[in-house]
């Protein structure tokens, strides 16, 4: 028999669980993007790398805001802005 506290935590609609998944997913995406660039599997200005950083940053902004970690929220917000600028520049050059 599950404890009520554990049962609530494992509920897929639990906001804390969803926010924690955002945090873990964002962290893994940042690390995976960095690993791909380090292994020369993609370029630092590629759509793949910048897209991964954009999604990771958005997830981590959400996560760090929920924790009240505003310095880290600021860092991730800048990371998102850099990704958006780079992707926007690539889009403008293509068109």
N, C-alpha and C. Protein backbone atom coordinates (compact mmCIF):
# COMPACT_ATOMS: atom_id res chain seq x y z
N UNK A 1 0.84 -1.18 0.00
CA UNK A 1 0.00 0.00 0.00
C UNK A 1 0.88 1.25 0.00
N UNK A 2 0.55 2.20 -0.87
CA UNK A 2 1.33 3.42 -0.96
C UNK A 2 0.95 4.42 0.11
N UNK A 3 1.94 5.14 0.56
CA UNK A 3 1.73 6.24 1.48
C UNK A 3 1.01 7.36 0.71
N UNK A 4 0.11 8.09 1.36
CA UNK A 4 -0.63 9.16 0.69
C UNK A 4 0.31 10.23 0.14
N UNK A 5 1.38 10.55 0.87
CA UNK A 5 2.33 11.56 0.40
C UNK A 5 3.03 11.08 -0.87
N UNK A 6 3.41 9.82 -0.90
CA UNK A 6 4.05 9.25 -2.08
C UNK A 6 3.08 9.18 -3.23
N UNK A 7 1.85 8.80 -2.95
CA UNK A 7 0.83 8.70 -3.98
C UNK A 7 0.60 10.06 -4.64
N UNK A 8 0.54 11.14 -3.87
CA UNK A 8 0.38 12.48 -4.41
C UNK A 8 1.58 12.87 -5.27
N UNK A 9 2.78 12.52 -4.81
CA UNK A 9 3.99 12.87 -5.53
C UNK A 9 4.05 12.18 -6.89
N UNK A 10 3.59 10.94 -6.95
CA UNK A 10 3.65 10.17 -8.20
C UNK A 10 2.49 10.46 -9.14
N UNK A 11 1.51 11.22 -8.69
CA UNK A 11 0.39 11.59 -9.53
C UNK A 11 0.90 12.40 -10.73
N UNK A 12 0.64 11.98 -11.97
CA UNK A 12 1.17 12.68 -13.14
C UNK A 12 0.70 14.13 -13.25
N UNK A 13 -0.36 14.49 -12.57
CA UNK A 13 -0.86 15.86 -12.63
C UNK A 13 -0.32 16.72 -11.48
N UNK A 14 0.58 16.18 -10.69
CA UNK A 14 1.19 16.92 -9.59
C UNK A 14 2.07 18.03 -10.16
N UNK A 15 1.77 19.30 -9.88
CA UNK A 15 2.56 20.39 -10.44
C UNK A 15 4.05 20.31 -10.08
N UNK A 16 4.38 19.87 -8.87
CA UNK A 16 5.79 19.76 -8.48
C UNK A 16 6.50 18.73 -9.34
N UNK A 17 5.86 17.63 -9.61
CA UNK A 17 6.45 16.59 -10.46
C UNK A 17 6.68 17.14 -11.87
N UNK A 18 5.72 17.86 -12.40
CA UNK A 18 5.85 18.43 -13.75
C UNK A 18 7.00 19.42 -13.79
N UNK A 19 7.10 20.30 -12.80
CA UNK A 19 8.18 21.29 -12.74
C UNK A 19 9.53 20.58 -12.60
N UNK A 20 9.61 19.55 -11.78
CA UNK A 20 10.87 18.79 -11.64
C UNK A 20 11.26 18.14 -12.96
N UNK A 21 10.29 17.62 -13.69
CA UNK A 21 10.58 17.03 -15.01
C UNK A 21 11.11 18.10 -15.95
N UNK A 22 10.54 19.32 -15.90
CA UNK A 22 11.06 20.43 -16.70
C UNK A 22 12.53 20.67 -16.37
N UNK A 23 12.84 20.71 -15.07
CA UNK A 23 14.22 20.97 -14.65
C UNK A 23 15.19 19.91 -15.13
N UNK A 24 14.83 18.65 -14.96
CA UNK A 24 15.70 17.57 -15.40
C UNK A 24 15.84 17.54 -16.92
N UNK A 25 14.74 17.73 -17.63
CA UNK A 25 14.78 17.70 -19.09
C UNK A 25 15.62 18.85 -19.63
N UNK A 26 15.45 20.04 -19.07
CA UNK A 26 16.25 21.18 -19.49
C UNK A 26 17.74 20.96 -19.24
N UNK A 27 18.07 20.43 -18.09
CA UNK A 27 19.48 20.17 -17.76
C UNK A 27 20.09 19.15 -18.72
N UNK A 28 19.35 18.09 -18.99
CA UNK A 28 19.84 17.05 -19.90
C UNK A 28 20.02 17.61 -21.30
N UNK A 29 19.08 18.44 -21.75
CA UNK A 29 19.20 19.04 -23.09
C UNK A 29 20.43 19.94 -23.19
N UNK A 30 20.68 20.77 -22.16
CA UNK A 30 21.88 21.61 -22.17
C UNK A 30 23.14 20.75 -22.30
N UNK A 31 23.21 19.70 -21.49
CA UNK A 31 24.39 18.83 -21.51
C UNK A 31 24.53 18.09 -22.83
N UNK A 32 23.43 17.62 -23.38
CA UNK A 32 23.46 16.92 -24.66
C UNK A 32 23.90 17.86 -25.78
N UNK A 33 23.38 19.08 -25.79
CA UNK A 33 23.78 20.06 -26.80
C UNK A 33 25.28 20.35 -26.70
N UNK A 34 25.77 20.54 -25.50
CA UNK A 34 27.19 20.80 -25.29
C UNK A 34 28.04 19.61 -25.73
N UNK A 35 27.58 18.41 -25.41
CA UNK A 35 28.31 17.21 -25.82
C UNK A 35 28.38 17.09 -27.34
N UNK A 36 27.29 17.40 -28.02
CA UNK A 36 27.28 17.33 -29.49
C UNK A 36 28.26 18.31 -30.11
N UNK A 37 28.34 19.52 -29.57
CA UNK A 37 29.30 20.50 -30.09
C UNK A 37 30.72 20.06 -29.76
N UNK A 38 30.94 19.59 -28.55
CA UNK A 38 32.28 19.15 -28.15
C UNK A 38 32.78 17.97 -28.97
N UNK A 39 31.85 17.08 -29.36
CA UNK A 39 32.21 15.91 -30.17
C UNK A 39 32.23 16.24 -31.66
N UNK A 40 32.01 17.52 -32.00
CA UNK A 40 32.00 17.98 -33.39
C UNK A 40 30.92 17.29 -34.23
N UNK A 41 29.80 16.98 -33.58
CA UNK A 41 28.66 16.39 -34.29
C UNK A 41 27.73 17.47 -34.83
N UNK A 42 27.87 18.69 -34.30
CA UNK A 42 27.11 19.84 -34.77
C UNK A 42 27.92 21.09 -34.50
N UNK A 43 27.54 22.19 -35.11
CA UNK A 43 28.23 23.47 -34.93
C UNK A 43 27.52 24.30 -33.88
N UNK A 44 28.25 25.20 -33.26
CA UNK A 44 27.69 26.05 -32.23
C UNK A 44 26.59 26.99 -32.70
N UNK A 45 26.59 27.30 -33.99
CA UNK A 45 25.53 28.18 -34.51
C UNK A 45 24.47 27.40 -35.30
N UNK A 46 24.49 26.08 -35.19
CA UNK A 46 23.51 25.27 -35.94
C UNK A 46 22.12 25.41 -35.34
N UNK A 47 21.13 25.16 -36.17
CA UNK A 47 19.74 25.18 -35.71
C UNK A 47 19.52 24.12 -34.64
N UNK A 48 20.14 22.96 -34.79
CA UNK A 48 20.02 21.89 -33.80
C UNK A 48 20.51 22.36 -32.44
N UNK A 49 21.72 22.87 -32.38
CA UNK A 49 22.31 23.30 -31.12
C UNK A 49 21.51 24.45 -30.50
N UNK A 50 21.21 25.46 -31.30
CA UNK A 50 20.48 26.61 -30.79
C UNK A 50 19.06 26.23 -30.39
N UNK A 51 18.43 25.35 -31.14
CA UNK A 51 17.09 24.89 -30.79
C UNK A 51 17.07 24.13 -29.49
N UNK A 52 18.07 23.26 -29.30
CA UNK A 52 18.16 22.52 -28.04
C UNK A 52 18.37 23.48 -26.87
N UNK A 53 19.22 24.49 -27.07
CA UNK A 53 19.46 25.47 -26.01
C UNK A 53 18.22 26.31 -25.73
N UNK A 54 17.47 26.63 -26.77
CA UNK A 54 16.24 27.40 -26.60
C UNK A 54 15.23 26.63 -25.76
N UNK A 55 14.99 25.38 -26.12
CA UNK A 55 14.02 24.56 -25.38
C UNK A 55 14.51 24.32 -23.94
N UNK A 56 15.79 23.99 -23.80
CA UNK A 56 16.35 23.77 -22.46
C UNK A 56 16.23 25.02 -21.61
N UNK A 57 16.54 26.16 -22.20
CA UNK A 57 16.47 27.42 -21.46
C UNK A 57 15.06 27.74 -21.00
N UNK A 58 14.08 27.55 -21.87
CA UNK A 58 12.69 27.81 -21.50
C UNK A 58 12.25 26.89 -20.36
N UNK A 59 12.62 25.62 -20.46
CA UNK A 59 12.28 24.67 -19.39
C UNK A 59 12.94 25.08 -18.07
N UNK A 60 14.20 25.49 -18.14
CA UNK A 60 14.91 25.84 -16.92
C UNK A 60 14.49 27.20 -16.36
N UNK A 61 14.06 28.12 -17.20
CA UNK A 61 13.49 29.37 -16.69
C UNK A 61 12.24 29.05 -15.87
N UNK A 62 11.39 28.20 -16.40
CA UNK A 62 10.18 27.79 -15.68
C UNK A 62 10.54 27.13 -14.35
N UNK A 63 11.50 26.22 -14.40
CA UNK A 63 11.91 25.49 -13.20
C UNK A 63 12.50 26.42 -12.14
N UNK A 64 13.45 27.28 -12.56
CA UNK A 64 14.12 28.14 -11.58
C UNK A 64 13.19 29.22 -11.03
N UNK A 65 12.25 29.70 -11.86
CA UNK A 65 11.25 30.64 -11.34
C UNK A 65 10.42 30.01 -10.24
N UNK A 66 10.05 28.74 -10.43
CA UNK A 66 9.25 28.06 -9.43
C UNK A 66 10.01 27.88 -8.12
N UNK A 67 11.32 27.83 -8.21
CA UNK A 67 12.15 27.69 -7.01
C UNK A 67 12.48 29.04 -6.37
N UNK A 68 12.24 30.12 -7.10
CA UNK A 68 12.63 31.44 -6.62
C UNK A 68 14.12 31.69 -6.77
N UNK A 69 14.77 30.95 -7.65
CA UNK A 69 16.21 31.10 -7.90
C UNK A 69 16.40 32.13 -9.02
N UNK A 70 16.27 33.41 -8.67
CA UNK A 70 16.19 34.46 -9.68
C UNK A 70 17.50 34.70 -10.42
N UNK A 71 18.63 34.50 -9.78
CA UNK A 71 19.91 34.65 -10.49
C UNK A 71 20.02 33.61 -11.60
N UNK A 72 19.65 32.39 -11.30
CA UNK A 72 19.69 31.33 -12.30
C UNK A 72 18.62 31.55 -13.36
N UNK A 73 17.48 32.10 -12.97
CA UNK A 73 16.45 32.44 -13.95
C UNK A 73 16.99 33.48 -14.93
N UNK A 74 17.70 34.47 -14.40
CA UNK A 74 18.32 35.49 -15.26
C UNK A 74 19.31 34.90 -16.23
N UNK A 75 20.16 34.02 -15.75
CA UNK A 75 21.15 33.36 -16.60
C UNK A 75 20.46 32.58 -17.73
N UNK A 76 19.47 31.81 -17.39
CA UNK A 76 18.77 31.01 -18.40
C UNK A 76 17.97 31.90 -19.35
N UNK A 77 17.47 33.02 -18.88
CA UNK A 77 16.76 33.96 -19.76
C UNK A 77 17.71 34.53 -20.81
N UNK A 78 18.92 34.86 -20.39
CA UNK A 78 19.92 35.36 -21.34
C UNK A 78 20.27 34.26 -22.34
N UNK A 79 20.38 33.03 -21.86
CA UNK A 79 20.67 31.88 -22.73
C UNK A 79 19.58 31.74 -23.80
N UNK A 80 18.32 31.90 -23.38
CA UNK A 80 17.19 31.84 -24.32
C UNK A 80 17.29 32.99 -25.32
N UNK A 81 17.60 34.19 -24.85
CA UNK A 81 17.71 35.35 -25.73
C UNK A 81 18.81 35.15 -26.77
N UNK A 82 19.95 34.62 -26.36
CA UNK A 82 21.05 34.36 -27.30
C UNK A 82 20.61 33.34 -28.35
N UNK A 83 19.93 32.30 -27.93
CA UNK A 83 19.43 31.29 -28.88
C UNK A 83 18.44 31.91 -29.86
N UNK A 84 17.53 32.74 -29.35
CA UNK A 84 16.55 33.38 -30.22
C UNK A 84 17.22 34.31 -31.23
N UNK A 85 18.19 35.08 -30.76
CA UNK A 85 18.92 35.98 -31.66
C UNK A 85 19.67 35.21 -32.74
N UNK A 86 20.33 34.14 -32.35
CA UNK A 86 21.08 33.34 -33.32
C UNK A 86 20.15 32.68 -34.32
N UNK A 87 19.05 32.11 -33.85
CA UNK A 87 18.08 31.49 -34.76
C UNK A 87 17.43 32.53 -35.67
N UNK A 88 17.12 33.69 -35.11
CA UNK A 88 16.53 34.76 -35.91
C UNK A 88 17.48 35.24 -36.99
N UNK A 89 18.74 35.36 -36.65
CA UNK A 89 19.76 35.77 -37.63
C UNK A 89 19.87 34.74 -38.74
N UNK A 90 19.88 33.46 -38.39
CA UNK A 90 19.96 32.40 -39.40
C UNK A 90 18.72 32.43 -40.30
N UNK A 91 17.55 32.68 -39.72
CA UNK A 91 16.31 32.74 -40.50
C UNK A 91 16.34 33.92 -41.46
N UNK A 92 16.81 35.08 -40.99
CA UNK A 92 16.88 36.26 -41.85
C UNK A 92 17.87 36.07 -43.00
N UNK A 93 18.98 35.42 -42.73
CA UNK A 93 19.98 35.18 -43.78
C UNK A 93 19.42 34.24 -44.84
N UNK A 94 18.65 33.23 -44.42
CA UNK A 94 18.05 32.28 -45.38
C UNK A 94 17.02 32.94 -46.27
N UNK A 95 16.29 33.90 -45.70
CA UNK A 95 15.20 34.53 -46.46
C UNK A 95 15.71 35.77 -47.06
